[in-house]
Amino acid sequence: MSRSDSRGRTGVIYRAEYGTEAGDLSVDIAQGVAAVRGEDPASSSFVLAEHVDSDAIDALAGSHGTDWRFDIDVADCHVTVHGNGTLVVRPSR
């Protein structure tokens, strides 16, 4: 997975190419949320499964390369997952 953090007008923007192995996408989202919140992913209080079905999120990774987009607002962050393998996490407005 390649990833980058940049600073936008509203704070840190996390961009990554998510993995297609089981569990990768949900882990990548959790890491992105932690990065945007300025937290260490290992000690972050954010738990994705409290907001959305992690198995369903990981199933999206199997649809890699198709034309779709998934958006969710969690933990003061806006998460966008694209079917082309791109994950973007930014602060919610």
PDB file of N, CA and C in Angstrom:
ATOM      1  N   MET A   1       0.839  -1.168   0.000  1.00  0.00           N
ATOM      2  CA  MET A   1       0.000   0.000   0.000  1.00  0.00           C
ATOM      3  C   MET A   1       0.882   1.227   0.000  1.00  0.00           C
ATOM      4  N   SER A   2       0.578   2.157  -0.843  1.00  0.00           N
ATOM      5  CA  SER A   2       1.262   3.444  -0.780  1.00  0.00           C
ATOM      6  C   SER A   2       0.318   4.421  -0.110  1.00  0.00           C
ATOM      7  N   ARG A   3       0.889   5.361   0.640  1.00  0.00           N
ATOM      8  CA  ARG A   3       0.052   6.329   1.330  1.00  0.00           C
ATOM      9  C   ARG A   3       0.755   7.656   1.400  1.00  0.00           C
ATOM     10  N   SER A   4      -0.037   8.700   1.577  1.00  0.00           N
ATOM     11  CA  SER A   4       0.529  10.027   1.766  1.00  0.00           C
ATOM     12  C   SER A   4      -0.397  10.835   2.646  1.00  0.00           C
ATOM     13  N   ASP A   5       0.191  11.726   3.398  1.00  0.00           N
ATOM     14  CA  ASP A   5      -0.563  12.668   4.216  1.00  0.00           C
ATOM     15  C   ASP A   5      -0.230  14.057   3.698  1.00  0.00           C
ATOM     16  N   SER A   6      -1.234  14.873   3.567  1.00  0.00           N
ATOM     17  CA  SER A   6      -0.998  16.254   3.169  1.00  0.00           C
ATOM     18  C   SER A   6      -1.881  17.139   4.036  1.00  0.00           C
ATOM     19  N   ARG A   7      -1.590  18.390   4.062  1.00  0.00           N
ATOM     20  CA  ARG A   7      -2.388  19.312   4.865  1.00  0.00           C
ATOM     21  C   ARG A   7      -3.225  20.163   3.929  1.00  0.00           C
ATOM     22  N   GLY A   8      -4.539  20.058   4.102  1.00  0.00           N
ATOM     23  CA  GLY A   8      -5.468  20.880   3.349  1.00  0.00           C
ATOM     24  C   GLY A   8      -5.949  22.029   4.209  1.00  0.00           C
ATOM     25  N   ARG A   9      -6.915  22.766   3.716  1.00  0.00           N
ATOM     26  CA  ARG A   9      -7.460  23.896   4.471  1.00  0.00           C
ATOM     27  C   ARG A   9      -8.056  23.455   5.796  1.00  0.00           C
ATOM     28  N   THR A  10      -8.610  22.261   5.831  1.00  0.00           N
ATOM     29  CA  THR A  10      -9.301  21.801   7.035  1.00  0.00           C
ATOM     30  C   THR A  10      -8.469  20.846   7.875  1.00  0.00           C
ATOM     31  N   GLY A  11      -7.217  20.622   7.542  1.00  0.00           N
ATOM     32  CA  GLY A  11      -6.369  19.723   8.325  1.00  0.00           C
ATOM     33  C   GLY A  11      -5.701  18.671   7.464  1.00  0.00           C
ATOM     34  N   VAL A  12      -5.272  17.594   8.096  1.00  0.00           N
ATOM     35  CA  VAL A  12      -4.563  16.515   7.409  1.00  0.00           C
ATOM     36  C   VAL A  12      -5.518  15.760   6.497  1.00  0.00           C
ATOM     37  N   ILE A  13      -5.059  15.466   5.291  1.00  0.00           N
ATOM     38  CA  ILE A  13      -5.791  14.630   4.349  1.00  0.00           C
ATOM     39  C   ILE A  13      -4.941  13.392   4.114  1.00  0.00           C
ATOM     40  N   TYR A  14      -5.518  12.221   4.371  1.00  0.00           N
ATOM     41  CA  TYR A  14      -4.826  10.942   4.237  1.00  0.00           C
ATOM     42  C   TYR A  14      -5.261  10.298   2.929  1.00  0.00           C
ATOM     43  N   ARG A  15      -4.301   9.927   2.087  1.00  0.00           N
ATOM     44  CA  ARG A  15      -4.588   9.246   0.823  1.00  0.00           C
ATOM     45  C   ARG A  15      -3.779   7.959   0.785  1.00  0.00           C
ATOM     46  N   ALA A  16      -4.411   6.886   0.325  1.00  0.00           N
ATOM     47  CA  ALA A  16      -3.719   5.601   0.255  1.00  0.00           C
ATOM     48  C   ALA A  16      -4.321   4.749  -0.844  1.00  0.00           C
ATOM     49  N   GLU A  17      -3.531   3.808  -1.293  1.00  0.00           N
ATOM     50  CA  GLU A  17      -4.033   2.739  -2.151  1.00  0.00           C
ATOM     51  C   GLU A  17      -4.274   1.570  -1.222  1.00  0.00           C
ATOM     52  N   TYR A  18      -5.538   1.132  -1.132  1.00  0.00           N
ATOM     53  CA  TYR A  18      -5.853   0.079  -0.178  1.00  0.00           C
ATOM     54  C   TYR A  18      -5.545  -1.291  -0.750  1.00  0.00           C
ATOM     55  N   GLY A  19      -5.302  -2.224   0.165  1.00  0.00           N
ATOM     56  CA  GLY A  19      -5.005  -3.599  -0.221  1.00  0.00           C
ATOM     57  C   GLY A  19      -6.268  -4.376  -0.536  1.00  0.00           C
ATOM     58  N   THR A  20      -6.121  -5.485  -1.234  1.00  0.00           N
ATOM     59  CA  THR A  20      -7.269  -6.301  -1.611  1.00  0.00           C
ATOM     60  C   THR A  20      -7.342  -7.595  -0.819  1.00  0.00           C
ATOM     61  N   GLU A  21      -6.421  -7.810   0.117  1.00  0.00           N
ATOM     62  CA  GLU A  21      -6.466  -8.997   0.962  1.00  0.00           C
ATOM     63  C   GLU A  21      -7.534  -8.797   2.035  1.00  0.00           C
ATOM     64  N   ALA A  22      -8.064  -9.902   2.568  1.00  0.00           N
ATOM     65  CA  ALA A  22      -9.081  -9.837   3.610  1.00  0.00           C
ATOM     66  C   ALA A  22      -8.577  -9.013   4.791  1.00  0.00           C
ATOM     67  N   GLY A  23      -9.377  -8.056   5.212  1.00  0.00           N
ATOM     68  CA  GLY A  23      -9.042  -7.230   6.355  1.00  0.00           C
ATOM     69  C   GLY A  23      -8.265  -5.975   6.036  1.00  0.00           C
ATOM     70  N   ASP A  24      -7.696  -5.885   4.856  1.00  0.00           N
ATOM     71  CA  ASP A  24      -6.845  -4.745   4.526  1.00  0.00           C
ATOM     72  C   ASP A  24      -7.597  -3.414   4.501  1.00  0.00           C
ATOM     73  N   LEU A  25      -8.749  -3.363   3.868  1.00  0.00           N
ATOM     74  CA  LEU A  25      -9.442  -2.093   3.700  1.00  0.00           C
ATOM     75  C   LEU A  25      -9.889  -1.533   5.046  1.00  0.00           C
ATOM     76  N   SER A  26     -10.437  -2.354   5.911  1.00  0.00           N
ATOM     77  CA  SER A  26     -10.872  -1.852   7.214  1.00  0.00           C
ATOM     78  C   SER A  26      -9.683  -1.368   8.039  1.00  0.00           C
ATOM     79  N   VAL A  27      -8.555  -2.045   7.951  1.00  0.00           N
ATOM     80  CA  VAL A  27      -7.338  -1.603   8.649  1.00  0.00           C
ATOM     81  C   VAL A  27      -6.842  -0.297   8.049  1.00  0.00           C
ATOM     82  N   ASP A  28      -6.853  -0.183   6.735  1.00  0.00           N
ATOM     83  CA  ASP A  28      -6.409   1.041   6.071  1.00  0.00           C
ATOM     84  C   ASP A  28      -7.294   2.229   6.461  1.00  0.00           C
ATOM     85  N   ILE A  29      -8.600   2.009   6.576  1.00  0.00           N
ATOM     86  CA  ILE A  29      -9.504   3.082   6.993  1.00  0.00           C
ATOM     87  C   ILE A  29      -9.182   3.508   8.421  1.00  0.00           C
ATOM     88  N   ALA A  30      -8.998   2.551   9.309  1.00  0.00           N
ATOM     89  CA  ALA A  30      -8.676   2.870  10.705  1.00  0.00           C
ATOM     90  C   ALA A  30      -7.365   3.646  10.806  1.00  0.00           C
ATOM     91  N   GLN A  31      -6.373   3.272  10.004  1.00  0.00           N
ATOM     92  CA  GLN A  31      -5.096   4.000   9.997  1.00  0.00           C
ATOM     93  C   GLN A  31      -5.294   5.423   9.479  1.00  0.00           C
ATOM     94  N   GLY A  32      -6.121   5.585   8.461  1.00  0.00           N
ATOM     95  CA  GLY A  32      -6.386   6.910   7.913  1.00  0.00           C
ATOM     96  C   GLY A  32      -7.103   7.802   8.904  1.00  0.00           C
ATOM     97  N   VAL A  33      -8.092   7.258   9.594  1.00  0.00           N
ATOM     98  CA  VAL A  33      -8.818   8.035  10.596  1.00  0.00           C
ATOM     99  C   VAL A  33      -7.859   8.458  11.712  1.00  0.00           C
ATOM    100  N   ALA A  34      -7.013   7.539  12.167  1.00  0.00           N
ATOM    101  CA  ALA A  34      -6.034   7.875  13.212  1.00  0.00           C
ATOM    102  C   ALA A  34      -5.095   8.976  12.740  1.00  0.00           C
ATOM    103  N   ALA A  35      -4.633   8.897  11.498  1.00  0.00           N
ATOM    104  CA  ALA A  35      -3.720   9.911  10.966  1.00  0.00           C
ATOM    105  C   ALA A  35      -4.378  11.284  10.920  1.00  0.00           C
ATOM    106  N   VAL A  36      -5.607  11.340  10.451  1.00  0.00           N
ATOM    107  CA  VAL A  36      -6.317  12.617  10.354  1.00  0.00           C
ATOM    108  C   VAL A  36      -6.583  13.194  11.744  1.00  0.00           C
ATOM    109  N   ARG A  37      -6.829  12.320  12.711  1.00  0.00           N
ATOM    110  CA  ARG A  37      -7.089  12.762  14.086  1.00  0.00           C
ATOM    111  C   ARG A  37      -5.799  13.020  14.859  1.00  0.00           C
ATOM    112  N   GLY A  38      -4.642  12.761  14.234  1.00  0.00           N
ATOM    113  CA  GLY A  38      -3.370  12.994  14.901  1.00  0.00           C
ATOM    114  C   GLY A  38      -3.059  11.978  15.980  1.00  0.00           C
ATOM    115  N   GLU A  39      -3.568  10.760  15.811  1.00  0.00           N
ATOM    116  CA  GLU A  39      -3.389   9.704  16.792  1.00  0.00           C
ATOM    117  C   GLU A  39      -2.479   8.603  16.256  1.00  0.00           C
ATOM    118  N   ASP A  40      -1.876   7.867  17.160  1.00  0.00           N
ATOM    119  CA  ASP A  40      -1.130   6.663  16.815  1.00  0.00           C
ATOM    120  C   ASP A  40      -2.162   5.572  16.540  1.00  0.00           C
ATOM    121  N   PRO A  41      -2.124   4.931  15.374  1.00  0.00           N
ATOM    122  CA  PRO A  41      -3.126   3.911  15.067  1.00  0.00           C
ATOM    123  C   PRO A  41      -3.200   2.794  16.114  1.00  0.00           C
ATOM    124  N   ALA A  42      -2.079   2.472  16.734  1.00  0.00           N
ATOM    125  CA  ALA A  42      -2.056   1.391  17.722  1.00  0.00           C
ATOM    126  C   ALA A  42      -2.780   1.764  19.015  1.00  0.00           C
ATOM    127  N   SER A  43      -2.873   3.045  19.311  1.00  0.00           N
ATOM    128  CA  SER A  43      -3.517   3.458  20.556  1.00  0.00           C
ATOM    129  C   SER A  43      -4.752   4.332  20.317  1.00  0.00           C
ATOM    130  N   SER A  44      -5.217   4.406  19.091  1.00  0.00           N
ATOM    131  CA  SER A  44      -6.388   5.217  18.759  1.00  0.00           C
ATOM    132  C   SER A  44      -7.640   4.647  19.418  1.00  0.00           C
ATOM    133  N   SER A  45      -8.528   5.518  19.836  1.00  0.00           N
ATOM    134  CA  SER A  45      -9.786   5.095  20.443  1.00  0.00           C
ATOM    135  C   SER A  45     -10.831   4.727  19.379  1.00  0.00           C
ATOM    136  N   PHE A  46     -10.548   4.995  18.112  1.00  0.00           N
ATOM    137  CA  PHE A  46     -11.484   4.727  17.021  1.00  0.00           C
ATOM    138  C   PHE A  46     -11.542   3.233  16.716  1.00  0.00           C
ATOM    139  N   VAL A  47     -12.770   2.694  16.682  1.00  0.00           N
ATOM    140  CA  VAL A  47     -12.995   1.299  16.313  1.00  0.00           C
ATOM    141  C   VAL A  47     -14.011   1.303  15.169  1.00  0.00           C
ATOM    142  N   LEU A  48     -13.553   0.960  13.966  1.00  0.00           N
ATOM    143  CA  LEU A  48     -14.410   1.010  12.776  1.00  0.00           C
ATOM    144  C   LEU A  48     -15.665   0.165  12.956  1.00  0.00           C
ATOM    145  N   ALA A  49     -15.539  -1.008  13.565  1.00  0.00           N
ATOM    146  CA  ALA A  49     -16.671  -1.924  13.716  1.00  0.00           C
ATOM    147  C   ALA A  49     -17.807  -1.336  14.555  1.00  0.00           C
ATOM    148  N   GLU A  50     -17.539  -0.271  15.300  1.00  0.00           N
ATOM    149  CA  GLU A  50     -18.602   0.388  16.054  1.00  0.00           C
ATOM    150  C   GLU A  50     -19.468   1.279  15.165  1.00  0.00           C
ATOM    151  N   HIS A  51     -19.022   1.507  13.929  1.00  0.00           N
ATOM    152  CA  HIS A  51     -19.719   2.421  13.024  1.00  0.00           C
ATOM    153  C   HIS A  51     -20.270   1.739  11.780  1.00  0.00           C
ATOM    154  N   VAL A  52     -19.619   0.680  11.351  1.00  0.00           N
ATOM    155  CA  VAL A  52     -20.006   0.014  10.105  1.00  0.00           C
ATOM    156  C   VAL A  52     -19.533  -1.437  10.172  1.00  0.00           C
ATOM    157  N   ASP A  53     -20.172  -2.304   9.426  1.00  0.00           N
ATOM    158  CA  ASP A  53     -19.794  -3.723   9.381  1.00  0.00           C
ATOM    159  C   ASP A  53     -18.438  -3.865   8.676  1.00  0.00           C
ATOM    160  N   SER A  54     -17.411  -4.226   9.433  1.00  0.00           N
ATOM    161  CA  SER A  54     -16.057  -4.330   8.877  1.00  0.00           C
ATOM    162  C   SER A  54     -15.970  -5.384   7.781  1.00  0.00           C
ATOM    163  N   ASP A  55     -16.725  -6.477   7.918  1.00  0.00           N
ATOM    164  CA  ASP A  55     -16.721  -7.512   6.876  1.00  0.00           C
ATOM    165  C   ASP A  55     -17.270  -6.965   5.562  1.00  0.00           C
ATOM    166  N   ALA A  56     -18.297  -6.137   5.646  1.00  0.00           N
ATOM    167  CA  ALA A  56     -18.861  -5.536   4.434  1.00  0.00           C
ATOM    168  C   ALA A  56     -17.855  -4.588   3.791  1.00  0.00           C
ATOM    169  N   ILE A  57     -17.154  -3.812   4.627  1.00  0.00           N
ATOM    170  CA  ILE A  57     -16.125  -2.907   4.104  1.00  0.00           C
ATOM    171  C   ILE A  57     -15.038  -3.699   3.400  1.00  0.00           C
ATOM    172  N   ASP A  58     -14.575  -4.778   4.041  1.00  0.00           N
ATOM    173  CA  ASP A  58     -13.516  -5.590   3.430  1.00  0.00           C
ATOM    174  C   ASP A  58     -13.977  -6.274   2.152  1.00  0.00           C
ATOM    175  N   ALA A  59     -15.270  -6.586   2.057  1.00  0.00           N
ATOM    176  CA  ALA A  59     -15.806  -7.179   0.832  1.00  0.00           C
ATOM    177  C   ALA A  59     -15.721  -6.195  -0.334  1.00  0.00           C
ATOM    178  N   LEU A  60     -15.794  -4.900  -0.033  1.00  0.00           N
ATOM    179  CA  LEU A  60     -15.648  -3.897  -1.088  1.00  0.00           C
ATOM    180  C   LEU A  60     -14.292  -4.017  -1.780  1.00  0.00           C
ATOM    181  N   ALA A  61     -13.275  -4.369  -1.025  1.00  0.00           N
ATOM    182  CA  ALA A  61     -11.934  -4.491  -1.601  1.00  0.00           C
ATOM    183  C   ALA A  61     -11.908  -5.547  -2.701  1.00  0.00           C
ATOM    184  N   GLY A  62     -12.759  -6.556  -2.591  1.00  0.00           N
ATOM    185  CA  GLY A  62     -12.845  -7.572  -3.636  1.00  0.00           C
ATOM    186  C   GLY A  62     -13.445  -7.048  -4.923  1.00  0.00           C
ATOM    187  N   SER A  63     -14.079  -5.868  -4.869  1.00  0.00           N
ATOM    188  CA  SER A  63     -14.657  -5.243  -6.053  1.00  0.00           C
ATOM    189  C   SER A  63     -13.684  -4.261  -6.691  1.00  0.00           C
ATOM    190  N   HIS A  64     -12.432  -4.334  -6.294  1.00  0.00           N
ATOM    191  CA  HIS A  64     -11.365  -3.450  -6.784  1.00  0.00           C
ATOM    192  C   HIS A  64     -11.375  -3.409  -8.309  1.00  0.00           C
ATOM    193  N   GLY A  65     -11.268  -2.230  -8.854  1.00  0.00           N
ATOM    194  CA  GLY A  65     -11.191  -2.069 -10.303  1.00  0.00           C
ATOM    195  C   GLY A  65     -12.531  -1.838 -10.967  1.00  0.00           C
ATOM    196  N   THR A  66     -13.600  -1.815 -10.201  1.00  0.00           N
ATOM    197  CA  THR A  66     -14.902  -1.544 -10.791  1.00  0.00           C
ATOM    198  C   THR A  66     -15.300  -0.102 -10.487  1.00  0.00           C
ATOM    199  N   ASP A  67     -16.332   0.354 -11.130  1.00  0.00           N
ATOM    200  CA  ASP A  67     -16.754   1.748 -11.019  1.00  0.00           C
ATOM    201  C   ASP A  67     -17.742   1.914  -9.869  1.00  0.00           C
ATOM    202  N   TRP A  68     -17.237   2.231  -8.692  1.00  0.00           N
ATOM    203  CA  TRP A  68     -18.083   2.493  -7.535  1.00  0.00           C
ATOM    204  C   TRP A  68     -17.356   3.431  -6.577  1.00  0.00           C
ATOM    205  N   ARG A  69     -18.138   3.975  -5.628  1.00  0.00           N
ATOM    206  CA  ARG A  69     -17.593   4.868  -4.608  1.00  0.00           C
ATOM    207  C   ARG A  69     -18.416   4.682  -3.337  1.00  0.00           C
ATOM    208  N   PHE A  70     -17.748   4.657  -2.192  1.00  0.00           N
ATOM    209  CA  PHE A  70     -18.397   4.507  -0.901  1.00  0.00           C
ATOM    210  C   PHE A  70     -17.946   5.645  -0.006  1.00  0.00           C
ATOM    211  N   ASP A  71     -18.895   6.374   0.590  1.00  0.00           N
ATOM    212  CA  ASP A  71     -18.591   7.482   1.491  1.00  0.00           C
ATOM    213  C   ASP A  71     -19.229   7.222   2.845  1.00  0.00           C
ATOM    214  N   ILE A  72     -18.495   7.563   3.899  1.00  0.00           N
ATOM    215  CA  ILE A  72     -19.028   7.445   5.252  1.00  0.00           C
ATOM    216  C   ILE A  72     -18.382   8.512   6.129  1.00  0.00           C
ATOM    217  N   ASP A  73     -19.152   9.046   7.055  1.00  0.00           N
ATOM    218  CA  ASP A  73     -18.627   9.978   8.048  1.00  0.00           C
ATOM    219  C   ASP A  73     -18.521   9.240   9.372  1.00  0.00           C
ATOM    220  N   VAL A  74     -17.312   9.177   9.922  1.00  0.00           N
ATOM    221  CA  VAL A  74     -17.049   8.521  11.204  1.00  0.00           C
ATOM    222  C   VAL A  74     -15.996   9.305  11.969  1.00  0.00           C
ATOM    223  N   ALA A  75     -16.165   9.384  13.284  1.00  0.00           N
ATOM    224  CA  ALA A  75     -15.137   9.949  14.174  1.00  0.00           C
ATOM    225  C   ALA A  75     -14.610  11.297  13.688  1.00  0.00           C
ATOM    226  N   ASP A  76     -15.517  12.183  13.291  1.00  0.00           N
ATOM    227  CA  ASP A  76     -15.152  13.520  12.800  1.00  0.00           C
ATOM    228  C   ASP A  76     -14.310  13.481  11.526  1.00  0.00           C
ATOM    229  N   CYS A  77     -14.426  12.394  10.762  1.00  0.00           N
ATOM    230  CA  CYS A  77     -13.697  12.248   9.491  1.00  0.00           C
ATOM    231  C   CYS A  77     -14.668  11.847   8.389  1.00  0.00           C
ATOM    232  N   HIS A  78     -14.368  12.272   7.174  1.00  0.00           N
ATOM    233  CA  HIS A  78     -15.106  11.832   5.995  1.00  0.00           C
ATOM    234  C   HIS A  78     -14.208  10.860   5.235  1.00  0.00           C
ATOM    235  N   VAL A  79     -14.700   9.638   5.050  1.00  0.00           N
ATOM    236  CA  VAL A  79     -13.939   8.575   4.391  1.00  0.00           C
ATOM    237  C   VAL A  79     -14.557   8.319   3.023  1.00  0.00           C
ATOM    238  N   THR A  80     -13.722   8.306   1.991  1.00  0.00           N
ATOM    239  CA  THR A  80     -14.163   7.969   0.639  1.00  0.00           C
ATOM    240  C   THR A  80     -13.307   6.830   0.125  1.00  0.00           C
ATOM    241  N   VAL A  81     -13.971   5.754  -0.285  1.00  0.00           N
ATOM    242  CA  VAL A  81     -13.302   4.592  -0.860  1.00  0.00           C
ATOM    243  C   VAL A  81     -13.751   4.499  -2.310  1.00  0.00           C
ATOM    244  N   HIS A  82     -12.787   4.457  -3.226  1.00  0.00           N
ATOM    245  CA  HIS A  82     -13.084   4.360  -4.662  1.00  0.00           C
ATOM    246  C   HIS A  82     -12.773   2.948  -5.149  1.00  0.00           C
ATOM    247  N   GLY A  83     -13.551   2.492  -6.094  1.00  0.00           N
ATOM    248  CA  GLY A  83     -13.340   1.174  -6.676  1.00  0.00           C
ATOM    249  C   GLY A  83     -12.009   1.018  -7.380  1.00  0.00           C
ATOM    250  N   ASN A  84     -11.343   2.122  -7.696  1.00  0.00           N
ATOM    251  CA  ASN A  84     -10.048   2.049  -8.375  1.00  0.00           C
ATOM    252  C   ASN A  84      -8.903   1.776  -7.405  1.00  0.00           C
ATOM    253  N   GLY A  85      -9.234   1.599  -6.096  1.00  0.00           N
ATOM    254  CA  GLY A  85      -8.203   1.283  -5.112  1.00  0.00           C
ATOM    255  C   GLY A  85      -7.728   2.451  -4.283  1.00  0.00           C
ATOM    256  N   THR A  86      -8.393   3.592  -4.411  1.00  0.00           N
ATOM    257  CA  THR A  86      -7.975   4.784  -3.685  1.00  0.00           C
ATOM    258  C   THR A  86      -8.845   4.995  -2.451  1.00  0.00           C
ATOM    259  N   LEU A  87      -8.190   5.327  -1.350  1.00  0.00           N
ATOM    260  CA  LEU A  87      -8.843   5.651  -0.088  1.00  0.00           C
ATOM    261  C   LEU A  87      -8.440   7.067   0.292  1.00  0.00           C
ATOM    262  N   VAL A  88      -9.415   7.905   0.639  1.00  0.00           N
ATOM    263  CA  VAL A  88      -9.148   9.279   1.077  1.00  0.00           C
ATOM    264  C   VAL A  88      -9.902   9.506   2.383  1.00  0.00           C
ATOM    265  N   VAL A  89      -9.173   9.999   3.392  1.00  0.00           N
ATOM    266  CA  VAL A  89      -9.773  10.350   4.679  1.00  0.00           C
ATOM    267  C   VAL A  89      -9.431  11.795   4.958  1.00  0.00           C
ATOM    268  N   ARG A  90     -10.422  12.599   5.252  1.00  0.00           N
ATOM    269  CA  ARG A  90     -10.223  14.014   5.554  1.00  0.00           C
ATOM    270  C   ARG A  90     -11.122  14.403   6.723  1.00  0.00           C
ATOM    271  N   PRO A  91     -10.811  15.494   7.382  1.00  0.00           N
ATOM    272  CA  PRO A  91     -11.685  15.949   8.468  1.00  0.00           C
ATOM    273  C   PRO A  91     -13.090  16.253   7.934  1.00  0.00           C
ATOM    274  N   SER A  92     -14.113  15.933   8.732  1.00  0.00           N
ATOM    275  CA  SER A  92     -15.484  16.306   8.367  1.00  0.00           C
ATOM    276  C   SER A  92     -15.607  17.807   8.472  1.00  0.00           C
ATOM    277  N   ARG A  93     -16.521  18.348   7.735  1.00  0.00           N
ATOM    278  CA  ARG A  93     -16.732  19.802   7.783  1.00  0.00           C
ATOM    279  C   ARG A  93     -17.762  20.137   8.790  1.00  0.00           C
TER     280      ARG A  93
END
